[in-house]
Amino acid sequence: MPVLLENARNSGQWFIWVAEENGEIVSHIFIELIHKVPRPGRVIYPFVYMTNVFTSKEYRNKGIGSKLRRYDTEINIRVALME
């Protein structure tokens, strides 16, 4: 496994959403959970940074990437509510 993926998997701050068809990854989004620096007297919430978004050419314009993005938005909301 590539070092980036191994580090991401073990860090607890990276999430990788994938869409598969017939066992093949056809789309993915990498998401990093970012913790803000604490500020006295204020409630702070983490946020997520989305990067490395890709859908294979033959699967584009079928709504697959949009579904992954909507899932990412739902996770952002859940993370904000957890803190």
PDB file of N, CA and C in Angstrom:
ATOM      1  N   MET A   1       0.853  -1.176   0.000  1.00  0.00           N
ATOM      2  CA  MET A   1       0.000   0.000   0.000  1.00  0.00           C
ATOM      3  C   MET A   1       0.897   1.237   0.000  1.00  0.00           C
ATOM      4  N   PRO A   2       0.581   2.241  -0.828  1.00  0.00           N
ATOM      5  CA  PRO A   2       1.382   3.469  -0.851  1.00  0.00           C
ATOM      6  C   PRO A   2       1.446   4.125   0.534  1.00  0.00           C
ATOM      7  N   VAL A   3       2.557   4.785   0.810  1.00  0.00           N
ATOM      8  CA  VAL A   3       2.802   5.405   2.111  1.00  0.00           C
ATOM      9  C   VAL A   3       1.699   6.397   2.474  1.00  0.00           C
ATOM     10  N   LEU A   4       1.264   7.236   1.526  1.00  0.00           N
ATOM     11  CA  LEU A   4       0.210   8.212   1.807  1.00  0.00           C
ATOM     12  C   LEU A   4      -1.047   7.519   2.320  1.00  0.00           C
ATOM     13  N   LEU A   5      -1.463   6.463   1.647  1.00  0.00           N
ATOM     14  CA  LEU A   5      -2.671   5.753   2.072  1.00  0.00           C
ATOM     15  C   LEU A   5      -2.486   5.084   3.422  1.00  0.00           C
ATOM     16  N   GLU A   6      -1.334   4.508   3.633  1.00  0.00           N
ATOM     17  CA  GLU A   6      -1.052   3.861   4.920  1.00  0.00           C
ATOM     18  C   GLU A   6      -1.076   4.877   6.054  1.00  0.00           C
ATOM     19  N   ASN A   7      -0.435   6.021   5.854  1.00  0.00           N
ATOM     20  CA  ASN A   7      -0.436   7.079   6.874  1.00  0.00           C
ATOM     21  C   ASN A   7      -1.842   7.615   7.113  1.00  0.00           C
ATOM     22  N   ALA A   8      -2.589   7.810   6.044  1.00  0.00           N
ATOM     23  CA  ALA A   8      -3.958   8.310   6.169  1.00  0.00           C
ATOM     24  C   ALA A   8      -4.810   7.324   6.948  1.00  0.00           C
ATOM     25  N   ARG A   9      -4.690   6.075   6.629  1.00  0.00           N
ATOM     26  CA  ARG A   9      -5.483   5.029   7.291  1.00  0.00           C
ATOM     27  C   ARG A   9      -5.187   4.954   8.784  1.00  0.00           C
ATOM     28  N   ASN A  10      -3.951   5.165   9.154  1.00  0.00           N
ATOM     29  CA  ASN A  10      -3.549   5.027  10.554  1.00  0.00           C
ATOM     30  C   ASN A  10      -3.679   6.311  11.366  1.00  0.00           C
ATOM     31  N   SER A  11      -3.898   7.442  10.730  1.00  0.00           N
ATOM     32  CA  SER A  11      -3.860   8.726  11.431  1.00  0.00           C
ATOM     33  C   SER A  11      -5.122   9.038  12.222  1.00  0.00           C
ATOM     34  N   GLY A  12      -6.259   8.525  11.793  1.00  0.00           N
ATOM     35  CA  GLY A  12      -7.516   8.857  12.451  1.00  0.00           C
ATOM     36  C   GLY A  12      -8.066  10.220  12.056  1.00  0.00           C
ATOM     37  N   GLN A  13      -7.373  10.917  11.174  1.00  0.00           N
ATOM     38  CA  GLN A  13      -7.866  12.220  10.742  1.00  0.00           C
ATOM     39  C   GLN A  13      -8.169  12.255   9.249  1.00  0.00           C
ATOM     40  N   TRP A  14      -7.840  11.217   8.533  1.00  0.00           N
ATOM     41  CA  TRP A  14      -8.153  11.129   7.108  1.00  0.00           C
ATOM     42  C   TRP A  14      -9.258  10.117   6.874  1.00  0.00           C
ATOM     43  N   PHE A  15     -10.156  10.465   5.959  1.00  0.00           N
ATOM     44  CA  PHE A  15     -11.241   9.582   5.563  1.00  0.00           C
ATOM     45  C   PHE A  15     -11.224   9.532   4.042  1.00  0.00           C
ATOM     46  N   ILE A  16     -11.418   8.363   3.502  1.00  0.00           N
ATOM     47  CA  ILE A  16     -11.413   8.205   2.049  1.00  0.00           C
ATOM     48  C   ILE A  16     -12.723   7.538   1.661  1.00  0.00           C
ATOM     49  N   TRP A  17     -13.567   8.283   0.954  1.00  0.00           N
ATOM     50  CA  TRP A  17     -14.841   7.744   0.474  1.00  0.00           C
ATOM     51  C   TRP A  17     -14.607   7.236  -0.940  1.00  0.00           C
ATOM     52  N   VAL A  18     -15.105   6.058  -1.220  1.00  0.00           N
ATOM     53  CA  VAL A  18     -14.974   5.498  -2.566  1.00  0.00           C
ATOM     54  C   VAL A  18     -16.329   5.007  -3.061  1.00  0.00           C
ATOM     55  N   ALA A  19     -16.489   5.021  -4.370  1.00  0.00           N
ATOM     56  CA  ALA A  19     -17.634   4.401  -5.032  1.00  0.00           C
ATOM     57  C   ALA A  19     -17.076   3.266  -5.876  1.00  0.00           C
ATOM     58  N   GLU A  20     -17.698   2.115  -5.760  1.00  0.00           N
ATOM     59  CA  GLU A  20     -17.236   0.941  -6.491  1.00  0.00           C
ATOM     60  C   GLU A  20     -18.325   0.423  -7.422  1.00  0.00           C
ATOM     61  N   GLU A  21     -17.876  -0.164  -8.497  1.00  0.00           N
ATOM     62  CA  GLU A  21     -18.781  -0.900  -9.374  1.00  0.00           C
ATOM     63  C   GLU A  21     -18.056  -2.164  -9.798  1.00  0.00           C
ATOM     64  N   ASN A  22     -18.675  -3.298  -9.542  1.00  0.00           N
ATOM     65  CA  ASN A  22     -18.078  -4.604  -9.858  1.00  0.00           C
ATOM     66  C   ASN A  22     -16.678  -4.758  -9.269  1.00  0.00           C
ATOM     67  N   GLY A  23     -16.497  -4.282  -8.022  1.00  0.00           N
ATOM     68  CA  GLY A  23     -15.224  -4.421  -7.334  1.00  0.00           C
ATOM     69  C   GLY A  23     -14.147  -3.436  -7.768  1.00  0.00           C
ATOM     70  N   GLU A  24     -14.478  -2.507  -8.659  1.00  0.00           N
ATOM     71  CA  GLU A  24     -13.516  -1.513  -9.144  1.00  0.00           C
ATOM     72  C   GLU A  24     -13.873  -0.145  -8.564  1.00  0.00           C
ATOM     73  N   ILE A  25     -12.869   0.564  -8.044  1.00  0.00           N
ATOM     74  CA  ILE A  25     -13.101   1.925  -7.550  1.00  0.00           C
ATOM     75  C   ILE A  25     -13.279   2.832  -8.757  1.00  0.00           C
ATOM     76  N   VAL A  26     -14.454   3.498  -8.831  1.00  0.00           N
ATOM     77  CA  VAL A  26     -14.747   4.366  -9.972  1.00  0.00           C
ATOM     78  C   VAL A  26     -14.741   5.843  -9.589  1.00  0.00           C
ATOM     79  N   SER A  27     -14.768   6.136  -8.288  1.00  0.00           N
ATOM     80  CA  SER A  27     -14.745   7.522  -7.824  1.00  0.00           C
ATOM     81  C   SER A  27     -14.234   7.549  -6.390  1.00  0.00           C
ATOM     82  N   HIS A  28     -13.574   8.638  -6.007  1.00  0.00           N
ATOM     83  CA  HIS A  28     -13.112   8.755  -4.621  1.00  0.00           C
ATOM     84  C   HIS A  28     -12.960  10.212  -4.214  1.00  0.00           C
ATOM     85  N   ILE A  29     -13.012  10.421  -2.905  1.00  0.00           N
ATOM     86  CA  ILE A  29     -12.778  11.728  -2.293  1.00  0.00           C
ATOM     87  C   ILE A  29     -11.930  11.486  -1.046  1.00  0.00           C
ATOM     88  N   PHE A  30     -10.858  12.250  -0.894  1.00  0.00           N
ATOM     89  CA  PHE A  30     -10.045  12.200   0.319  1.00  0.00           C
ATOM     90  C   PHE A  30     -10.458  13.373   1.201  1.00  0.00           C
ATOM     91  N   ILE A  31     -10.663  13.113   2.481  1.00  0.00           N
ATOM     92  CA  ILE A  31     -11.126  14.135   3.413  1.00  0.00           C
ATOM     93  C   ILE A  31     -10.227  14.110   4.650  1.00  0.00           C
ATOM     94  N   GLU A  32      -9.745  15.281   5.059  1.00  0.00           N
ATOM     95  CA  GLU A  32      -8.914  15.383   6.266  1.00  0.00           C
ATOM     96  C   GLU A  32      -9.668  16.172   7.323  1.00  0.00           C
ATOM     97  N   LEU A  33      -9.744  15.618   8.515  1.00  0.00           N
ATOM     98  CA  LEU A  33     -10.348  16.301   9.656  1.00  0.00           C
ATOM     99  C   LEU A  33      -9.308  17.246  10.244  1.00  0.00           C
ATOM    100  N   ILE A  34      -9.633  18.531  10.303  1.00  0.00           N
ATOM    101  CA  ILE A  34      -8.717  19.561  10.798  1.00  0.00           C
ATOM    102  C   ILE A  34      -9.227  20.070  12.142  1.00  0.00           C
ATOM    103  N   HIS A  35      -8.390  19.972  13.154  1.00  0.00           N
ATOM    104  CA  HIS A  35      -8.748  20.506  14.470  1.00  0.00           C
ATOM    105  C   HIS A  35      -8.187  21.911  14.596  1.00  0.00           C
ATOM    106  N   LYS A  36      -9.030  22.825  14.986  1.00  0.00           N
ATOM    107  CA  LYS A  36      -8.591  24.207  15.163  1.00  0.00           C
ATOM    108  C   LYS A  36      -7.818  24.354  16.468  1.00  0.00           C
ATOM    109  N   VAL A  37      -7.026  25.400  16.552  1.00  0.00           N
ATOM    110  CA  VAL A  37      -6.294  25.715  17.776  1.00  0.00           C
ATOM    111  C   VAL A  37      -7.306  26.189  18.819  1.00  0.00           C
ATOM    112  N   PRO A  38      -7.247  25.641  20.030  1.00  0.00           N
ATOM    113  CA  PRO A  38      -8.194  26.065  21.068  1.00  0.00           C
ATOM    114  C   PRO A  38      -8.092  27.558  21.369  1.00  0.00           C
ATOM    115  N   ARG A  39      -9.246  28.148  21.668  1.00  0.00           N
ATOM    116  CA  ARG A  39      -9.288  29.564  22.042  1.00  0.00           C
ATOM    117  C   ARG A  39     -10.012  29.661  23.381  1.00  0.00           C
ATOM    118  N   PRO A  40      -9.386  30.270  24.360  1.00  0.00           N
ATOM    119  CA  PRO A  40     -10.010  30.368  25.683  1.00  0.00           C
ATOM    120  C   PRO A  40     -11.399  30.999  25.624  1.00  0.00           C
ATOM    121  N   GLY A  41     -12.337  30.353  26.294  1.00  0.00           N
ATOM    122  CA  GLY A  41     -13.683  30.893  26.398  1.00  0.00           C
ATOM    123  C   GLY A  41     -14.551  30.705  25.167  1.00  0.00           C
ATOM    124  N   ARG A  42     -14.061  30.019  24.174  1.00  0.00           N
ATOM    125  CA  ARG A  42     -14.844  29.811  22.950  1.00  0.00           C
ATOM    126  C   ARG A  42     -14.957  28.328  22.646  1.00  0.00           C
ATOM    127  N   VAL A  43     -16.113  27.958  22.140  1.00  0.00           N
ATOM    128  CA  VAL A  43     -16.305  26.599  21.656  1.00  0.00           C
ATOM    129  C   VAL A  43     -15.795  26.563  20.224  1.00  0.00           C
ATOM    130  N   ILE A  44     -14.935  25.618  19.946  1.00  0.00           N
ATOM    131  CA  ILE A  44     -14.423  25.492  18.583  1.00  0.00           C
ATOM    132  C   ILE A  44     -14.824  24.136  18.031  1.00  0.00           C
ATOM    133  N   TYR A  45     -14.968  24.070  16.750  1.00  0.00           N
ATOM    134  CA  TYR A  45     -15.351  22.838  16.072  1.00  0.00           C
ATOM    135  C   TYR A  45     -14.325  22.517  15.005  1.00  0.00           C
ATOM    136  N   PRO A  46     -14.071  21.231  14.796  1.00  0.00           N
ATOM    137  CA  PRO A  46     -13.180  20.871  13.694  1.00  0.00           C
ATOM    138  C   PRO A  46     -13.883  21.120  12.363  1.00  0.00           C
ATOM    139  N   PHE A  47     -13.119  21.155  11.311  1.00  0.00           N
ATOM    140  CA  PHE A  47     -13.702  21.243   9.981  1.00  0.00           C
ATOM    141  C   PHE A  47     -12.992  20.227   9.107  1.00  0.00           C
ATOM    142  N   VAL A  48     -13.517  20.003   7.932  1.00  0.00           N
ATOM    143  CA  VAL A  48     -12.890  19.029   7.049  1.00  0.00           C
ATOM    144  C   VAL A  48     -12.382  19.714   5.788  1.00  0.00           C
ATOM    145  N   TYR A  49     -11.302  19.166   5.275  1.00  0.00           N
ATOM    146  CA  TYR A  49     -10.687  19.636   4.038  1.00  0.00           C
ATOM    147  C   TYR A  49     -10.844  18.514   3.019  1.00  0.00           C
ATOM    148  N   MET A  50     -11.494  18.805   1.921  1.00  0.00           N
ATOM    149  CA  MET A  50     -11.725  17.809   0.884  1.00  0.00           C
ATOM    150  C   MET A  50     -10.700  18.001  -0.221  1.00  0.00           C
ATOM    151  N   THR A  51     -10.066  16.908  -0.628  1.00  0.00           N
ATOM    152  CA  THR A  51      -9.053  16.968  -1.672  1.00  0.00           C
ATOM    153  C   THR A  51      -9.081  15.668  -2.475  1.00  0.00           C
ATOM    154  N   ASN A  52      -8.323  15.627  -3.528  1.00  0.00           N
ATOM    155  CA  ASN A  52      -8.159  14.424  -4.338  1.00  0.00           C
ATOM    156  C   ASN A  52      -9.504  13.824  -4.744  1.00  0.00           C
ATOM    157  N   VAL A  53     -10.332  14.641  -5.359  1.00  0.00           N
ATOM    158  CA  VAL A  53     -11.639  14.200  -5.837  1.00  0.00           C
ATOM    159  C   VAL A  53     -11.472  13.725  -7.274  1.00  0.00           C
ATOM    160  N   PHE A  54     -11.927  12.513  -7.550  1.00  0.00           N
ATOM    161  CA  PHE A  54     -11.750  11.968  -8.895  1.00  0.00           C
ATOM    162  C   PHE A  54     -12.846  10.961  -9.208  1.00  0.00           C
ATOM    163  N   THR A  55     -13.333  11.004 -10.451  1.00  0.00           N
ATOM    164  CA  THR A  55     -14.248   9.994 -10.982  1.00  0.00           C
ATOM    165  C   THR A  55     -13.697   9.551 -12.332  1.00  0.00           C
ATOM    166  N   SER A  56     -13.631   8.241 -12.540  1.00  0.00           N
ATOM    167  CA  SER A  56     -13.155   7.712 -13.825  1.00  0.00           C
ATOM    168  C   SER A  56     -13.995   8.261 -14.964  1.00  0.00           C
ATOM    169  N   LYS A  57     -13.342   8.526 -16.081  1.00  0.00           N
ATOM    170  CA  LYS A  57     -13.985   9.193 -17.215  1.00  0.00           C
ATOM    171  C   LYS A  57     -15.291   8.524 -17.638  1.00  0.00           C
ATOM    172  N   GLU A  58     -15.289   7.206 -17.722  1.00  0.00           N
ATOM    173  CA  GLU A  58     -16.485   6.511 -18.200  1.00  0.00           C
ATOM    174  C   GLU A  58     -17.647   6.533 -17.202  1.00  0.00           C
ATOM    175  N   TYR A  59     -17.401   6.998 -15.976  1.00  0.00           N
ATOM    176  CA  TYR A  59     -18.447   7.059 -14.955  1.00  0.00           C
ATOM    177  C   TYR A  59     -18.866   8.497 -14.631  1.00  0.00           C
ATOM    178  N   ARG A  60     -18.303   9.451 -15.319  1.00  0.00           N
ATOM    179  CA  ARG A  60     -18.645  10.859 -15.078  1.00  0.00           C
ATOM    180  C   ARG A  60     -20.046  11.172 -15.615  1.00  0.00           C
ATOM    181  N   ASN A  61     -20.641  12.228 -15.060  1.00  0.00           N
ATOM    182  CA  ASN A  61     -21.979  12.698 -15.457  1.00  0.00           C
ATOM    183  C   ASN A  61     -23.069  11.667 -15.173  1.00  0.00           C
ATOM    184  N   LYS A  62     -22.835  10.826 -14.174  1.00  0.00           N
ATOM    185  CA  LYS A  62     -23.837   9.833 -13.762  1.00  0.00           C
ATOM    186  C   LYS A  62     -24.271  10.062 -12.315  1.00  0.00           C
ATOM    187  N   GLY A  63     -23.767  11.137 -11.698  1.00  0.00           N
ATOM    188  CA  GLY A  63     -24.167  11.473 -10.336  1.00  0.00           C
ATOM    189  C   GLY A  63     -23.372  10.776  -9.244  1.00  0.00           C
ATOM    190  N   ILE A  64     -22.379   9.996  -9.602  1.00  0.00           N
ATOM    191  CA  ILE A  64     -21.603   9.244  -8.609  1.00  0.00           C
ATOM    192  C   ILE A  64     -20.812  10.189  -7.715  1.00  0.00           C
ATOM    193  N   GLY A  65     -20.073  11.118  -8.309  1.00  0.00           N
ATOM    194  CA  GLY A  65     -19.303  12.092  -7.527  1.00  0.00           C
ATOM    195  C   GLY A  65     -20.204  12.951  -6.659  1.00  0.00           C
ATOM    196  N   SER A  66     -21.368  13.306  -7.172  1.00  0.00           N
ATOM    197  CA  SER A  66     -22.325  14.107  -6.403  1.00  0.00           C
ATOM    198  C   SER A  66     -22.813  13.354  -5.170  1.00  0.00           C
ATOM    199  N   LYS A  67     -23.023  12.056  -5.311  1.00  0.00           N
ATOM    200  CA  LYS A  67     -23.444  11.249  -4.157  1.00  0.00           C
ATOM    201  C   LYS A  67     -22.352  11.211  -3.096  1.00  0.00           C
ATOM    202  N   LEU A  68     -21.101  11.046  -3.531  1.00  0.00           N
ATOM    203  CA  LEU A  68     -19.998  11.064  -2.566  1.00  0.00           C
ATOM    204  C   LEU A  68     -19.914  12.425  -1.889  1.00  0.00           C
ATOM    205  N   ARG A  69     -20.108  13.478  -2.637  1.00  0.00           N
ATOM    206  CA  ARG A  69     -20.046  14.838  -2.081  1.00  0.00           C
ATOM    207  C   ARG A  69     -21.162  15.072  -1.070  1.00  0.00           C
ATOM    208  N   ARG A  70     -22.367  14.592  -1.367  1.00  0.00           N
ATOM    209  CA  ARG A  70     -23.475  14.727  -0.412  1.00  0.00           C
ATOM    210  C   ARG A  70     -23.160  13.970   0.874  1.00  0.00           C
ATOM    211  N   TYR A  71     -22.546  12.797   0.747  1.00  0.00           N
ATOM    212  CA  TYR A  71     -22.157  12.030   1.927  1.00  0.00           C
ATOM    213  C   TYR A  71     -21.133  12.811   2.740  1.00  0.00           C
ATOM    214  N   ASP A  72     -20.194  13.469   2.055  1.00  0.00           N
ATOM    215  CA  ASP A  72     -19.195  14.303   2.715  1.00  0.00           C
ATOM    216  C   ASP A  72     -19.883  15.423   3.500  1.00  0.00           C
ATOM    217  N   THR A  73     -20.883  16.046   2.916  1.00  0.00           N
ATOM    218  CA  THR A  73     -21.613  17.123   3.590  1.00  0.00           C
ATOM    219  C   THR A  73     -22.297  16.600   4.845  1.00  0.00           C
ATOM    220  N   GLU A  74     -22.905  15.429   4.770  1.00  0.00           N
ATOM    221  CA  GLU A  74     -23.551  14.828   5.944  1.00  0.00           C
ATOM    222  C   GLU A  74     -22.531  14.578   7.055  1.00  0.00           C
ATOM    223  N   ILE A  75     -21.351  14.107   6.690  1.00  0.00           N
ATOM    224  CA  ILE A  75     -20.305  13.855   7.686  1.00  0.00           C
ATOM    225  C   ILE A  75     -19.850  15.165   8.321  1.00  0.00           C
ATOM    226  N   ASN A  76     -19.718  16.230   7.539  1.00  0.00           N
ATOM    227  CA  ASN A  76     -19.348  17.542   8.089  1.00  0.00           C
ATOM    228  C   ASN A  76     -20.328  17.960   9.170  1.00  0.00           C
ATOM    229  N   ILE A  77     -21.603  17.789   8.903  1.00  0.00           N
ATOM    230  CA  ILE A  77     -22.632  18.172   9.865  1.00  0.00           C
ATOM    231  C   ILE A  77     -22.510  17.324  11.129  1.00  0.00           C
ATOM    232  N   ARG A  78     -22.318  16.035  10.976  1.00  0.00           N
ATOM    233  CA  ARG A  78     -22.179  15.138  12.137  1.00  0.00           C
ATOM    234  C   ARG A  78     -20.959  15.489  12.977  1.00  0.00           C
ATOM    235  N   VAL A  79     -19.854  15.787  12.318  1.00  0.00           N
ATOM    236  CA  VAL A  79     -18.624  16.161  13.046  1.00  0.00           C
ATOM    237  C   VAL A  79     -18.888  17.426  13.860  1.00  0.00           C
ATOM    238  N   ALA A  80     -19.536  18.409  13.259  1.00  0.00           N
ATOM    239  CA  ALA A  80     -19.814  19.659  13.953  1.00  0.00           C
ATOM    240  C   ALA A  80     -20.709  19.417  15.162  1.00  0.00           C
ATOM    241  N   LEU A  81     -21.661  18.521  15.046  1.00  0.00           N
ATOM    242  CA  LEU A  81     -22.580  18.256  16.153  1.00  0.00           C
ATOM    243  C   LEU A  81     -21.939  17.428  17.272  1.00  0.00           C
ATOM    244  N   MET A  82     -20.912  16.650  16.947  1.00  0.00           N
ATOM    245  CA  MET A  82     -20.254  15.793  17.945  1.00  0.00           C
ATOM    246  C   MET A  82     -19.465  16.607  18.954  1.00  0.00           C
ATOM    247  N   GLU A  83     -18.905  17.680  18.536  1.00  0.00           N
ATOM    248  CA  GLU A  83     -18.023  18.459  19.414  1.00  0.00           C
ATOM    249  C   GLU A  83     -18.813  19.292  20.387  1.00  0.00           C
TER     250      GLU A  83
END
